[in-house]
Full PDB file with SEQRES, HELIX, SHEET, SSBOND, CRYST1, ORIGX, SCALE, CONECT and MASTER records, all heavy atoms in Angstrom:
SEQRES   1 A   41  SER ARG ASP SER ALA LYS ARG THR ILE SER LEU ARG MET          
SEQRES   2 A   41  ASN SER LEU LYS SER GLU ASP THR ALA ILE TYR TYR CYS          
SEQRES   3 A   41  TYR ALA ASN ASP GLY MET ARG ALA TYR TRP GLY GLN GLY          
SEQRES   4 A   41  THR GLN                                                      
HELIX    1 AA1 SER A   18  ASP A   20  5                                   3    
SHEET    1 AA1 2 TYR A  27  ASN A  29  0                                        
SHEET    2 AA1 2 ALA A  34  TRP A  36 -1                                        
CRYST1    1.000    1.000    1.000  90.00  90.00  90.00 P 1           1          
ORIGX1      1.000000  0.000000  0.000000        0.00000                         
ORIGX2      0.000000  1.000000  0.000000        0.00000                         
ORIGX3      0.000000  0.000000  1.000000        0.00000                         
SCALE1      1.000000  0.000000  0.000000        0.00000                         
SCALE2      0.000000  1.000000  0.000000        0.00000                         
SCALE3      0.000000  0.000000  1.000000        0.00000                         
ATOM      1  N   SER A   1     -12.661  12.815 -10.941  1.00  0.00           N  
ATOM      2  CA  SER A   1     -12.169  13.433 -12.228  1.00  0.00           C  
ATOM      3  C   SER A   1     -12.477  12.582 -13.380  1.00  0.00           C  
ATOM      4  O   SER A   1     -12.821  11.386 -13.251  1.00  0.00           O  
ATOM      5  CB  SER A   1     -10.624  13.616 -12.063  1.00  0.00           C  
ATOM      6  OG  SER A   1      -9.954  12.376 -11.918  1.00  0.00           O  
ATOM      7  N   ARG A   2     -12.462  13.234 -14.582  1.00  0.00           N  
ATOM      8  CA  ARG A   2     -12.806  12.541 -15.814  1.00  0.00           C  
ATOM      9  C   ARG A   2     -11.830  12.977 -16.828  1.00  0.00           C  
ATOM     10  O   ARG A   2     -11.478  14.160 -17.015  1.00  0.00           O  
ATOM     11  CB  ARG A   2     -14.214  13.004 -16.229  1.00  0.00           C  
ATOM     12  CG  ARG A   2     -14.766  12.232 -17.409  1.00  0.00           C  
ATOM     13  CD  ARG A   2     -16.200  12.714 -17.709  1.00  0.00           C  
ATOM     14  NE  ARG A   2     -16.801  11.785 -18.732  1.00  0.00           N  
ATOM     15  CZ  ARG A   2     -18.056  12.022 -19.173  1.00  0.00           C  
ATOM     16  NH1 ARG A   2     -18.826  12.954 -18.657  1.00  0.00           N  
ATOM     17  NH2 ARG A   2     -18.540  11.206 -20.047  1.00  0.00           N  
ATOM     18  N   ASP A   3     -11.378  12.036 -17.621  1.00  0.00           N  
ATOM     19  CA  ASP A   3     -10.359  12.332 -18.729  1.00  0.00           C  
ATOM     20  C   ASP A   3     -11.146  13.037 -19.888  1.00  0.00           C  
ATOM     21  O   ASP A   3     -12.299  12.958 -20.007  1.00  0.00           O  
ATOM     22  CB  ASP A   3      -9.640  11.113 -19.177  1.00  0.00           C  
ATOM     23  CG  ASP A   3     -10.379  10.162 -20.020  1.00  0.00           C  
ATOM     24  OD1 ASP A   3     -11.639  10.260 -20.061  1.00  0.00           O  
ATOM     25  OD2 ASP A   3      -9.817   9.282 -20.676  1.00  0.00           O  
ATOM     26  N   SER A   4     -10.349  13.763 -20.674  1.00  0.00           N  
ATOM     27  CA  SER A   4     -10.963  14.543 -21.751  1.00  0.00           C  
ATOM     28  C   SER A   4     -11.629  13.734 -22.808  1.00  0.00           C  
ATOM     29  O   SER A   4     -12.543  14.183 -23.470  1.00  0.00           O  
ATOM     30  CB  SER A   4      -9.861  15.452 -22.402  1.00  0.00           C  
ATOM     31  OG  SER A   4      -8.852  14.638 -23.003  1.00  0.00           O  
ATOM     32  N   ALA A   5     -11.196  12.457 -22.983  1.00  0.00           N  
ATOM     33  CA  ALA A   5     -11.846  11.559 -23.952  1.00  0.00           C  
ATOM     34  C   ALA A   5     -13.146  11.036 -23.362  1.00  0.00           C  
ATOM     35  O   ALA A   5     -13.878  10.327 -24.153  1.00  0.00           O  
ATOM     36  CB  ALA A   5     -10.932  10.462 -24.309  1.00  0.00           C  
ATOM     37  N   LYS A   6     -13.443  11.239 -22.148  1.00  0.00           N  
ATOM     38  CA  LYS A   6     -14.670  10.925 -21.471  1.00  0.00           C  
ATOM     39  C   LYS A   6     -14.791   9.332 -21.366  1.00  0.00           C  
ATOM     40  O   LYS A   6     -15.891   8.808 -21.308  1.00  0.00           O  
ATOM     41  CB  LYS A   6     -15.944  11.481 -22.176  1.00  0.00           C  
ATOM     42  CG  LYS A   6     -15.897  12.955 -22.109  1.00  0.00           C  
ATOM     43  CD  LYS A   6     -17.214  13.520 -22.702  1.00  0.00           C  
ATOM     44  CE  LYS A   6     -17.250  14.984 -22.650  1.00  0.00           C  
ATOM     45  NZ  LYS A   6     -18.475  15.629 -23.150  1.00  0.00           N  
ATOM     46  N   ARG A   7     -13.598   8.698 -21.400  1.00  0.00           N  
ATOM     47  CA  ARG A   7     -13.735   7.231 -21.323  1.00  0.00           C  
ATOM     48  C   ARG A   7     -13.297   6.630 -19.991  1.00  0.00           C  
ATOM     49  O   ARG A   7     -13.482   5.437 -19.721  1.00  0.00           O  
ATOM     50  CB  ARG A   7     -12.920   6.623 -22.457  1.00  0.00           C  
ATOM     51  CG  ARG A   7     -13.377   6.944 -23.812  1.00  0.00           C  
ATOM     52  CD  ARG A   7     -12.766   6.123 -24.921  1.00  0.00           C  
ATOM     53  NE  ARG A   7     -13.352   6.515 -26.199  1.00  0.00           N  
ATOM     54  CZ  ARG A   7     -14.503   5.923 -26.739  1.00  0.00           C  
ATOM     55  NH1 ARG A   7     -15.146   5.023 -25.949  1.00  0.00           N  
ATOM     56  NH2 ARG A   7     -14.925   6.312 -27.882  1.00  0.00           N  
ATOM     57  N   THR A   8     -12.702   7.433 -19.168  1.00  0.00           N  
ATOM     58  CA  THR A   8     -12.333   7.019 -17.820  1.00  0.00           C  
ATOM     59  C   THR A   8     -12.626   8.079 -16.798  1.00  0.00           C  
ATOM     60  O   THR A   8     -12.351   9.283 -16.975  1.00  0.00           O  
ATOM     61  CB  THR A   8     -10.777   6.725 -17.777  1.00  0.00           C  
ATOM     62  OG1 THR A   8     -10.431   5.731 -18.793  1.00  0.00           O  
ATOM     63  CG2 THR A   8     -10.373   6.166 -16.425  1.00  0.00           C  
ATOM     64  N   ILE A   9     -13.189   7.636 -15.575  1.00  0.00           N  
ATOM     65  CA  ILE A   9     -13.283   8.484 -14.522  1.00  0.00           C  
ATOM     66  C   ILE A   9     -12.548   7.879 -13.290  1.00  0.00           C  
ATOM     67  O   ILE A   9     -12.331   6.620 -13.289  1.00  0.00           O  
ATOM     68  CB  ILE A   9     -14.763   8.752 -14.050  1.00  0.00           C  
ATOM     69  CG1 ILE A   9     -15.505   7.522 -13.602  1.00  0.00           C  
ATOM     70  CG2 ILE A   9     -15.501   9.442 -15.191  1.00  0.00           C  
ATOM     71  CD1 ILE A   9     -16.724   7.794 -12.852  1.00  0.00           C  
ATOM     72  N   SER A  10     -12.104   8.749 -12.479  1.00  0.00           N  
ATOM     73  CA  SER A  10     -11.303   8.267 -11.343  1.00  0.00           C  
ATOM     74  C   SER A  10     -11.908   8.841 -10.020  1.00  0.00           C  
ATOM     75  O   SER A  10     -12.640   9.925 -10.074  1.00  0.00           O  
ATOM     76  CB  SER A  10      -9.863   8.710 -11.396  1.00  0.00           C  
ATOM     77  OG  SER A  10      -9.231   8.155 -12.569  1.00  0.00           O  
ATOM     78  N   LEU A  11     -11.707   8.146  -8.925  1.00  0.00           N  
ATOM     79  CA  LEU A  11     -12.099   8.623  -7.679  1.00  0.00           C  
ATOM     80  C   LEU A  11     -10.894   8.513  -6.686  1.00  0.00           C  
ATOM     81  O   LEU A  11     -10.493   7.401  -6.398  1.00  0.00           O  
ATOM     82  CB  LEU A  11     -13.249   7.858  -7.078  1.00  0.00           C  
ATOM     83  CG  LEU A  11     -13.836   8.319  -5.765  1.00  0.00           C  
ATOM     84  CD1 LEU A  11     -14.554   9.692  -5.960  1.00  0.00           C  
ATOM     85  CD2 LEU A  11     -14.818   7.315  -5.158  1.00  0.00           C  
ATOM     86  N   ARG A  12     -10.322   9.655  -6.367  1.00  0.00           N  
ATOM     87  CA  ARG A  12      -9.245   9.616  -5.459  1.00  0.00           C  
ATOM     88  C   ARG A  12      -9.796   9.834  -4.026  1.00  0.00           C  
ATOM     89  O   ARG A  12     -10.497  10.824  -3.742  1.00  0.00           O  
ATOM     90  CB  ARG A  12      -8.286  10.825  -5.778  1.00  0.00           C  
ATOM     91  CG  ARG A  12      -7.090  10.958  -4.811  1.00  0.00           C  
ATOM     92  CD  ARG A  12      -6.170   9.741  -4.859  1.00  0.00           C  
ATOM     93  NE  ARG A  12      -5.034   9.850  -4.026  1.00  0.00           N  
ATOM     94  CZ  ARG A  12      -4.115   8.897  -3.877  1.00  0.00           C  
ATOM     95  NH1 ARG A  12      -4.199   7.783  -4.472  1.00  0.00           N  
ATOM     96  NH2 ARG A  12      -3.070   9.091  -2.997  1.00  0.00           N  
ATOM     97  N   MET A  13      -9.527   8.806  -3.186  1.00  0.00           N  
ATOM     98  CA  MET A  13     -10.026   8.767  -1.834  1.00  0.00           C  
ATOM     99  C   MET A  13      -8.935   8.990  -0.897  1.00  0.00           C  
ATOM    100  O   MET A  13      -7.944   8.223  -0.838  1.00  0.00           O  
ATOM    101  CB  MET A  13     -10.751   7.459  -1.617  1.00  0.00           C  
ATOM    102  CG  MET A  13     -11.830   7.214  -2.607  1.00  0.00           C  
ATOM    103  SD  MET A  13     -12.808   5.700  -2.217  1.00  0.00           S  
ATOM    104  CE  MET A  13     -11.500   4.409  -2.622  1.00  0.00           C  
ATOM    105  N   ASN A  14      -8.965  10.077  -0.064  1.00  0.00           N  
ATOM    106  CA  ASN A  14      -7.941  10.372   0.943  1.00  0.00           C  
ATOM    107  C   ASN A  14      -8.527  10.273   2.355  1.00  0.00           C  
ATOM    108  O   ASN A  14      -9.734  10.276   2.489  1.00  0.00           O  
ATOM    109  CB  ASN A  14      -7.351  11.771   0.666  1.00  0.00           C  
ATOM    110  CG  ASN A  14      -6.753  11.913  -0.755  1.00  0.00           C  
ATOM    111  OD1 ASN A  14      -5.946  11.066  -1.082  1.00  0.00           O  
ATOM    112  ND2 ASN A  14      -7.079  13.002  -1.460  1.00  0.00           N  
ATOM    113  N   SER A  15      -7.692  10.166   3.288  1.00  0.00           N  
ATOM    114  CA  SER A  15      -8.082  10.148   4.692  1.00  0.00           C  
ATOM    115  C   SER A  15      -9.147   9.223   4.906  1.00  0.00           C  
ATOM    116  O   SER A  15     -10.232   9.517   5.522  1.00  0.00           O  
ATOM    117  CB  SER A  15      -8.524  11.615   5.139  1.00  0.00           C  
ATOM    118  OG  SER A  15      -7.454  12.533   4.996  1.00  0.00           O  
ATOM    119  N   LEU A  16      -8.904   7.964   4.385  1.00  0.00           N  
ATOM    120  CA  LEU A  16     -10.024   6.934   4.450  1.00  0.00           C  
ATOM    121  C   LEU A  16     -10.351   6.592   5.900  1.00  0.00           C  
ATOM    122  O   LEU A  16      -9.524   6.528   6.835  1.00  0.00           O  
ATOM    123  CB  LEU A  16      -9.614   5.700   3.672  1.00  0.00           C  
ATOM    124  CG  LEU A  16      -9.768   5.893   2.140  1.00  0.00           C  
ATOM    125  CD1 LEU A  16      -8.980   4.942   1.406  1.00  0.00           C  
ATOM    126  CD2 LEU A  16     -11.220   5.891   1.780  1.00  0.00           C  
ATOM    127  N   LYS A  17     -11.677   6.309   6.082  1.00  0.00           N  
ATOM    128  CA  LYS A  17     -12.157   5.881   7.412  1.00  0.00           C  
ATOM    129  C   LYS A  17     -12.777   4.517   7.242  1.00  0.00           C  
ATOM    130  O   LYS A  17     -13.171   4.066   6.208  1.00  0.00           O  
ATOM    131  CB  LYS A  17     -13.194   6.871   7.931  1.00  0.00           C  
ATOM    132  CG  LYS A  17     -12.731   8.362   7.876  1.00  0.00           C  
ATOM    133  CD  LYS A  17     -13.880   9.225   8.200  1.00  0.00           C  
ATOM    134  CE  LYS A  17     -13.488  10.640   8.184  1.00  0.00           C  
ATOM    135  NZ  LYS A  17     -14.579  11.532   8.576  1.00  0.00           N  
ATOM    136  N   SER A  18     -12.977   3.820   8.411  1.00  0.00           N  
ATOM    137  CA  SER A  18     -13.530   2.508   8.396  1.00  0.00           C  
ATOM    138  C   SER A  18     -14.948   2.579   7.809  1.00  0.00           C  
ATOM    139  O   SER A  18     -15.391   1.597   7.197  1.00  0.00           O  
ATOM    140  CB  SER A  18     -13.579   1.941   9.865  1.00  0.00           C  
ATOM    141  OG  SER A  18     -14.318   2.773  10.623  1.00  0.00           O  
ATOM    142  N   GLU A  19     -15.665   3.678   8.028  1.00  0.00           N  
ATOM    143  CA  GLU A  19     -17.017   3.763   7.475  1.00  0.00           C  
ATOM    144  C   GLU A  19     -16.993   3.974   5.956  1.00  0.00           C  
ATOM    145  O   GLU A  19     -18.084   4.015   5.385  1.00  0.00           O  
ATOM    146  CB  GLU A  19     -17.806   4.939   8.115  1.00  0.00           C  
ATOM    147  CG  GLU A  19     -17.076   6.262   8.211  1.00  0.00           C  
ATOM    148  CD  GLU A  19     -16.371   6.526   9.536  1.00  0.00           C  
ATOM    149  OE1 GLU A  19     -15.684   5.575  10.041  1.00  0.00           O  
ATOM    150  OE2 GLU A  19     -16.490   7.614  10.080  1.00  0.00           O  
ATOM    151  N   ASP A  20     -15.850   4.105   5.315  1.00  0.00           N  
ATOM    152  CA  ASP A  20     -15.879   4.134   3.861  1.00  0.00           C  
ATOM    153  C   ASP A  20     -15.820   2.783   3.298  1.00  0.00           C  
ATOM    154  O   ASP A  20     -15.915   2.619   2.038  1.00  0.00           O  
ATOM    155  CB  ASP A  20     -14.527   4.915   3.420  1.00  0.00           C  
ATOM    156  CG  ASP A  20     -14.599   6.318   3.769  1.00  0.00           C  
ATOM    157  OD1 ASP A  20     -15.657   7.058   3.681  1.00  0.00           O  
ATOM    158  OD2 ASP A  20     -13.525   6.902   4.221  1.00  0.00           O  
ATOM    159  N   THR A  21     -15.667   1.759   4.034  1.00  0.00           N  
ATOM    160  CA  THR A  21     -15.693   0.399   3.626  1.00  0.00           C  
ATOM    161  C   THR A  21     -17.068   0.032   2.963  1.00  0.00           C  
ATOM    162  O   THR A  21     -18.047   0.292   3.555  1.00  0.00           O  
ATOM    163  CB  THR A  21     -15.471  -0.643   4.843  1.00  0.00           C  
ATOM    164  OG1 THR A  21     -14.196  -0.431   5.349  1.00  0.00           O  
ATOM    165  CG2 THR A  21     -15.666  -2.071   4.353  1.00  0.00           C  
ATOM    166  N   ALA A  22     -16.984  -0.399   1.725  1.00  0.00           N  
ATOM    167  CA  ALA A  22     -18.159  -0.696   0.920  1.00  0.00           C  
ATOM    168  C   ALA A  22     -17.797  -1.264  -0.416  1.00  0.00           C  
ATOM    169  O   ALA A  22     -16.607  -1.247  -0.744  1.00  0.00           O  
ATOM    170  CB  ALA A  22     -18.909   0.593   0.750  1.00  0.00           C  
ATOM    171  N   ILE A  23     -18.763  -1.684  -1.159  1.00  0.00           N  
ATOM    172  CA  ILE A  23     -18.576  -1.943  -2.578  1.00  0.00           C  
ATOM    173  C   ILE A  23     -18.882  -0.666  -3.299  1.00  0.00           C  
ATOM    174  O   ILE A  23     -19.965  -0.064  -3.079  1.00  0.00           O  
ATOM    175  CB  ILE A  23     -19.528  -3.088  -3.054  1.00  0.00           C  
ATOM    176  CG1 ILE A  23     -19.160  -4.355  -2.287  1.00  0.00           C  
ATOM    177  CG2 ILE A  23     -19.313  -3.295  -4.511  1.00  0.00           C  
ATOM    178  CD1 ILE A  23     -20.158  -5.548  -2.569  1.00  0.00           C  
ATOM    179  N   TYR A  24     -17.952  -0.305  -4.168  1.00  0.00           N  
ATOM    180  CA  TYR A  24     -18.080   0.975  -4.903  1.00  0.00           C  
ATOM    181  C   TYR A  24     -18.510   0.653  -6.328  1.00  0.00           C  
ATOM    182  O   TYR A  24     -17.844  -0.253  -6.975  1.00  0.00           O  
ATOM    183  CB  TYR A  24     -16.797   1.775  -4.855  1.00  0.00           C  
ATOM    184  CG  TYR A  24     -16.563   2.427  -3.576  1.00  0.00           C  
ATOM    185  CD1 TYR A  24     -16.287   1.715  -2.394  1.00  0.00           C  
ATOM    186  CD2 TYR A  24     -16.669   3.802  -3.429  1.00  0.00           C  
ATOM    187  CE1 TYR A  24     -16.115   2.330  -1.138  1.00  0.00           C  
ATOM    188  CE2 TYR A  24     -16.526   4.461  -2.174  1.00  0.00           C  
ATOM    189  CZ  TYR A  24     -16.193   3.730  -1.079  1.00  0.00           C  
ATOM    190  OH  TYR A  24     -16.040   4.353   0.175  1.00  0.00           O  
ATOM    191  N   TYR A  25     -19.524   1.275  -6.747  1.00  0.00           N  
ATOM    192  CA  TYR A  25     -20.057   1.036  -8.135  1.00  0.00           C  
ATOM    193  C   TYR A  25     -19.905   2.290  -9.018  1.00  0.00           C  
ATOM    194  O   TYR A  25     -20.297   3.402  -8.546  1.00  0.00           O  
ATOM    195  CB  TYR A  25     -21.548   0.729  -8.070  1.00  0.00           C  
ATOM    196  CG  TYR A  25     -21.890  -0.605  -7.309  1.00  0.00           C  
ATOM    197  CD1 TYR A  25     -22.101  -0.645  -6.014  1.00  0.00           C  
ATOM    198  CD2 TYR A  25     -21.882  -1.829  -8.024  1.00  0.00           C  
ATOM    199  CE1 TYR A  25     -22.434  -1.860  -5.353  1.00  0.00           C  
ATOM    200  CE2 TYR A  25     -22.204  -3.026  -7.406  1.00  0.00           C  
ATOM    201  CZ  TYR A  25     -22.409  -2.977  -6.022  1.00  0.00           C  
ATOM    202  OH  TYR A  25     -22.695  -4.185  -5.412  1.00  0.00           O  
ATOM    203  N   CYS A  26     -19.404   2.037 -10.197  1.00  0.00           N  
ATOM    204  CA  CYS A  26     -19.484   3.104 -11.245  1.00  0.00           C  
ATOM    205  C   CYS A  26     -20.882   3.231 -11.765  1.00  0.00           C  
ATOM    206  O   CYS A  26     -21.577   2.230 -11.973  1.00  0.00           O  
ATOM    207  CB  CYS A  26     -18.479   2.811 -12.318  1.00  0.00           C  
ATOM    208  SG  CYS A  26     -18.219   4.146 -13.482  1.00  0.00           S  
ATOM    209  N   TYR A  27     -21.266   4.386 -12.001  1.00  0.00           N  
ATOM    210  CA  TYR A  27     -22.682   4.696 -12.479  1.00  0.00           C  
ATOM    211  C   TYR A  27     -22.597   5.751 -13.615  1.00  0.00           C  
ATOM    212  O   TYR A  27     -21.762   6.660 -13.613  1.00  0.00           O  
ATOM    213  CB  TYR A  27     -23.472   5.276 -11.290  1.00  0.00           C  
ATOM    214  CG  TYR A  27     -24.677   6.146 -11.719  1.00  0.00           C  
ATOM    215  CD1 TYR A  27     -25.938   5.460 -11.790  1.00  0.00           C  
ATOM    216  CD2 TYR A  27     -24.605   7.466 -11.884  1.00  0.00           C  
ATOM    217  CE1 TYR A  27     -27.060   6.211 -12.142  1.00  0.00           C  
ATOM    218  CE2 TYR A  27     -25.780   8.230 -12.274  1.00  0.00           C  
ATOM    219  CZ  TYR A  27     -26.959   7.572 -12.359  1.00  0.00           C  
ATOM    220  OH  TYR A  27     -28.068   8.328 -12.740  1.00  0.00           O  
ATOM    221  N   ALA A  28     -23.534   5.533 -14.620  1.00  0.00           N  
ATOM    222  CA  ALA A  28     -23.610   6.532 -15.634  1.00  0.00           C  
ATOM    223  C   ALA A  28     -25.110   6.634 -16.079  1.00  0.00           C  
ATOM    224  O   ALA A  28     -25.811   5.675 -15.911  1.00  0.00           O  
ATOM    225  CB  ALA A  28     -22.734   6.107 -16.887  1.00  0.00           C  
ATOM    226  N   ASN A  29     -25.464   7.734 -16.536  1.00  0.00           N  
ATOM    227  CA  ASN A  29     -26.845   8.090 -16.991  1.00  0.00           C  
ATOM    228  C   ASN A  29     -26.774   8.819 -18.314  1.00  0.00           C  
ATOM    229  O   ASN A  29     -26.041   9.779 -18.373  1.00  0.00           O  
ATOM    230  CB  ASN A  29     -27.560   8.787 -15.885  1.00  0.00           C  
ATOM    231  CG  ASN A  29     -29.112   8.875 -16.181  1.00  0.00           C  
ATOM    232  OD1 ASN A  29     -29.510   9.295 -17.183  1.00  0.00           O  
ATOM    233  ND2 ASN A  29     -29.838   8.377 -15.199  1.00  0.00           N  
ATOM    234  N   ASP A  30     -27.530   8.357 -19.303  1.00  0.00           N  
ATOM    235  CA  ASP A  30     -27.600   9.049 -20.566  1.00  0.00           C  
ATOM    236  C   ASP A  30     -28.905   9.832 -20.800  1.00  0.00           C  
ATOM    237  O   ASP A  30     -29.235  10.172 -21.958  1.00  0.00           O  
ATOM    238  CB  ASP A  30     -27.355   7.983 -21.697  1.00  0.00           C  
ATOM    239  CG  ASP A  30     -28.428   6.964 -21.826  1.00  0.00           C  
ATOM    240  OD1 ASP A  30     -29.510   7.083 -21.027  1.00  0.00           O  
ATOM    241  OD2 ASP A  30     -28.274   6.028 -22.642  1.00  0.00           O  
ATOM    242  N   GLY A  31     -29.607  10.030 -19.699  1.00  0.00           N  
ATOM    243  CA  GLY A  31     -30.861  10.745 -19.766  1.00  0.00           C  
ATOM    244  C   GLY A  31     -32.056   9.838 -20.026  1.00  0.00           C  
ATOM    245  O   GLY A  31     -33.252  10.315 -19.886  1.00  0.00           O  
ATOM    246  N   MET A  32     -31.811   8.562 -20.359  1.00  0.00           N  
ATOM    247  CA  MET A  32     -32.831   7.603 -20.641  1.00  0.00           C  
ATOM    248  C   MET A  32     -32.801   6.502 -19.582  1.00  0.00           C  
ATOM    249  O   MET A  32     -33.866   5.931 -19.216  1.00  0.00           O  
ATOM    250  CB  MET A  32     -32.832   7.105 -22.037  1.00  0.00           C  
ATOM    251  CG  MET A  32     -33.116   8.200 -23.132  1.00  0.00           C  
ATOM    252  SD  MET A  32     -33.288   7.538 -24.766  1.00  0.00           S  
ATOM    253  CE  MET A  32     -31.551   7.125 -25.014  1.00  0.00           C  
ATOM    254  N   ARG A  33     -31.609   6.061 -19.276  1.00  0.00           N  
ATOM    255  CA  ARG A  33     -31.481   4.951 -18.355  1.00  0.00           C  
ATOM    256  C   ARG A  33     -30.103   5.067 -17.592  1.00  0.00           C  
ATOM    257  O   ARG A  33     -29.295   5.799 -18.013  1.00  0.00           O  
ATOM    258  CB  ARG A  33     -31.563   3.586 -19.065  1.00  0.00           C  
ATOM    259  CG  ARG A  33     -30.548   3.385 -20.146  1.00  0.00           C  
ATOM    260  CD  ARG A  33     -30.343   1.969 -20.451  1.00  0.00           C  
ATOM    261  NE  ARG A  33     -29.671   1.184 -19.393  1.00  0.00           N  
ATOM    262  CZ  ARG A  33     -29.364  -0.022 -19.473  1.00  0.00           C  
ATOM    263  NH1 ARG A  33     -29.597  -0.782 -20.514  1.00  0.00           N  
ATOM    264  NH2 ARG A  33     -28.663  -0.616 -18.460  1.00  0.00           N  
ATOM    265  N   ALA A  34     -30.029   4.295 -16.567  1.00  0.00           N  
ATOM    266  CA  ALA A  34     -28.874   4.193 -15.711  1.00  0.00           C  
ATOM    267  C   ALA A  34     -28.077   2.949 -16.126  1.00  0.00           C  
ATOM    268  O   ALA A  34     -28.621   1.927 -16.475  1.00  0.00           O  
ATOM    269  CB  ALA A  34     -29.231   4.201 -14.215  1.00  0.00           C  
ATOM    270  N   TYR A  35     -26.751   3.057 -16.026  1.00  0.00           N  
ATOM    271  CA  TYR A  35     -25.794   1.996 -16.228  1.00  0.00           C  
ATOM    272  C   TYR A  35     -24.993   1.813 -15.003  1.00  0.00           C  
ATOM    273  O   TYR A  35     -24.586   2.752 -14.369  1.00  0.00           O  
ATOM    274  CB  TYR A  35     -24.939   2.211 -17.430  1.00  0.00           C  
ATOM    275  CG  TYR A  35     -25.654   2.431 -18.678  1.00  0.00           C  
ATOM    276  CD1 TYR A  35     -26.091   3.804 -19.067  1.00  0.00           C  
ATOM    277  CD2 TYR A  35     -25.946   1.424 -19.607  1.00  0.00           C  
ATOM    278  CE1 TYR A  35     -26.755   4.024 -20.275  1.00  0.00           C  
ATOM    279  CE2 TYR A  35     -26.647   1.654 -20.749  1.00  0.00           C  
ATOM    280  CZ  TYR A  35     -27.036   2.982 -21.108  1.00  0.00           C  
ATOM    281  OH  TYR A  35     -27.737   3.129 -22.272  1.00  0.00           O  
ATOM    282  N   TRP A  36     -24.658   0.546 -14.667  1.00  0.00           N  
ATOM    283  CA  TRP A  36     -23.862   0.237 -13.509  1.00  0.00           C  
ATOM    284  C   TRP A  36     -22.742  -0.672 -13.819  1.00  0.00           C  
ATOM    285  O   TRP A  36     -22.834  -1.572 -14.648  1.00  0.00           O  
ATOM    286  CB  TRP A  36     -24.696  -0.465 -12.440  1.00  0.00           C  
ATOM    287  CG  TRP A  36     -25.825   0.427 -11.910  1.00  0.00           C  
ATOM    288  CD1 TRP A  36     -27.099   0.471 -12.297  1.00  0.00           C  
ATOM    289  CD2 TRP A  36     -25.734   1.323 -10.819  1.00  0.00           C  
ATOM    290  NE1 TRP A  36     -27.814   1.378 -11.596  1.00  0.00           N  
ATOM    291  CE2 TRP A  36     -26.984   1.951 -10.702  1.00  0.00           C  
ATOM    292  CE3 TRP A  36     -24.701   1.739  -9.998  1.00  0.00           C  
ATOM    293  CZ2 TRP A  36     -27.281   2.882  -9.697  1.00  0.00           C  
ATOM    294  CZ3 TRP A  36     -24.958   2.683  -9.019  1.00  0.00           C  
ATOM    295  CH2 TRP A  36     -26.261   3.275  -8.877  1.00  0.00           C  
ATOM    296  N   GLY A  37     -21.651  -0.496 -13.221  1.00  0.00           N  
ATOM    297  CA  GLY A  37     -20.541  -1.466 -13.262  1.00  0.00           C  
ATOM    298  C   GLY A  37     -20.776  -2.690 -12.312  1.00  0.00           C  
ATOM    299  O   GLY A  37     -21.734  -2.622 -11.574  1.00  0.00           O  
ATOM    300  N   GLN A  38     -19.813  -3.582 -12.225  1.00  0.00           N  
ATOM    301  CA  GLN A  38     -20.018  -4.706 -11.389  1.00  0.00           C  
ATOM    302  C   GLN A  38     -19.645  -4.498  -9.923  1.00  0.00           C  
ATOM    303  O   GLN A  38     -19.903  -5.349  -9.026  1.00  0.00           O  
ATOM    304  CB  GLN A  38     -19.162  -5.926 -11.972  1.00  0.00           C  
ATOM    305  CG  GLN A  38     -17.743  -5.895 -11.578  1.00  0.00           C  
ATOM    306  CD  GLN A  38     -16.912  -4.854 -12.334  1.00  0.00           C  
ATOM    307  OE1 GLN A  38     -17.390  -4.192 -13.260  1.00  0.00           O  
ATOM    308  NE2 GLN A  38     -15.675  -4.783 -12.002  1.00  0.00           N  
ATOM    309  N   GLY A  39     -18.970  -3.423  -9.677  1.00  0.00           N  
ATOM    310  CA  GLY A  39     -18.543  -3.100  -8.323  1.00  0.00           C  
ATOM    311  C   GLY A  39     -17.124  -3.475  -7.958  1.00  0.00           C  
ATOM    312  O   GLY A  39     -16.570  -4.461  -8.567  1.00  0.00           O  
ATOM    313  N   THR A  40     -16.499  -2.770  -7.058  1.00  0.00           N  
ATOM    314  CA  THR A  40     -15.173  -3.084  -6.563  1.00  0.00           C  
ATOM    315  C   THR A  40     -15.127  -2.903  -5.019  1.00  0.00           C  
ATOM    316  O   THR A  40     -15.631  -1.843  -4.569  1.00  0.00           O  
ATOM    317  CB  THR A  40     -14.078  -2.323  -7.313  1.00  0.00           C  
ATOM    318  OG1 THR A  40     -12.801  -2.713  -6.979  1.00  0.00           O  
ATOM    319  CG2 THR A  40     -14.194  -0.772  -7.078  1.00  0.00           C  
ATOM    320  N   GLN A  41     -14.628  -3.833  -4.374  1.00  0.00           N  
ATOM    321  CA  GLN A  41     -14.616  -3.768  -2.858  1.00  0.00           C  
ATOM    322  C   GLN A  41     -13.503  -2.882  -2.388  1.00  0.00           C  
ATOM    323  O   GLN A  41     -12.308  -3.062  -2.710  1.00  0.00           O  
ATOM    324  CB  GLN A  41     -14.401  -5.168  -2.302  1.00  0.00           C  
ATOM    325  CG  GLN A  41     -14.278  -5.270  -0.833  1.00  0.00           C  
ATOM    326  CD  GLN A  41     -15.674  -4.955  -0.104  1.00  0.00           C  
ATOM    327  OE1 GLN A  41     -16.654  -5.481  -0.509  1.00  0.00           O  
ATOM    328  NE2 GLN A  41     -15.645  -4.074   0.917  1.00  0.00           N  
TER     329      GLN A  41                                                      
MASTER        0    0    0    1    2    0    0    6  328    1    0    4          
END                                                                             
């Protein structure tokens, strides 16, 4: 989901499995390049 101001997105993860274990990275693209966050475990 994304807030109306477009400044925050959320990922609600339910029924988590062991195979969901990973570093999760936020990603954005403005049509010219990709941007990445630092990741969260």
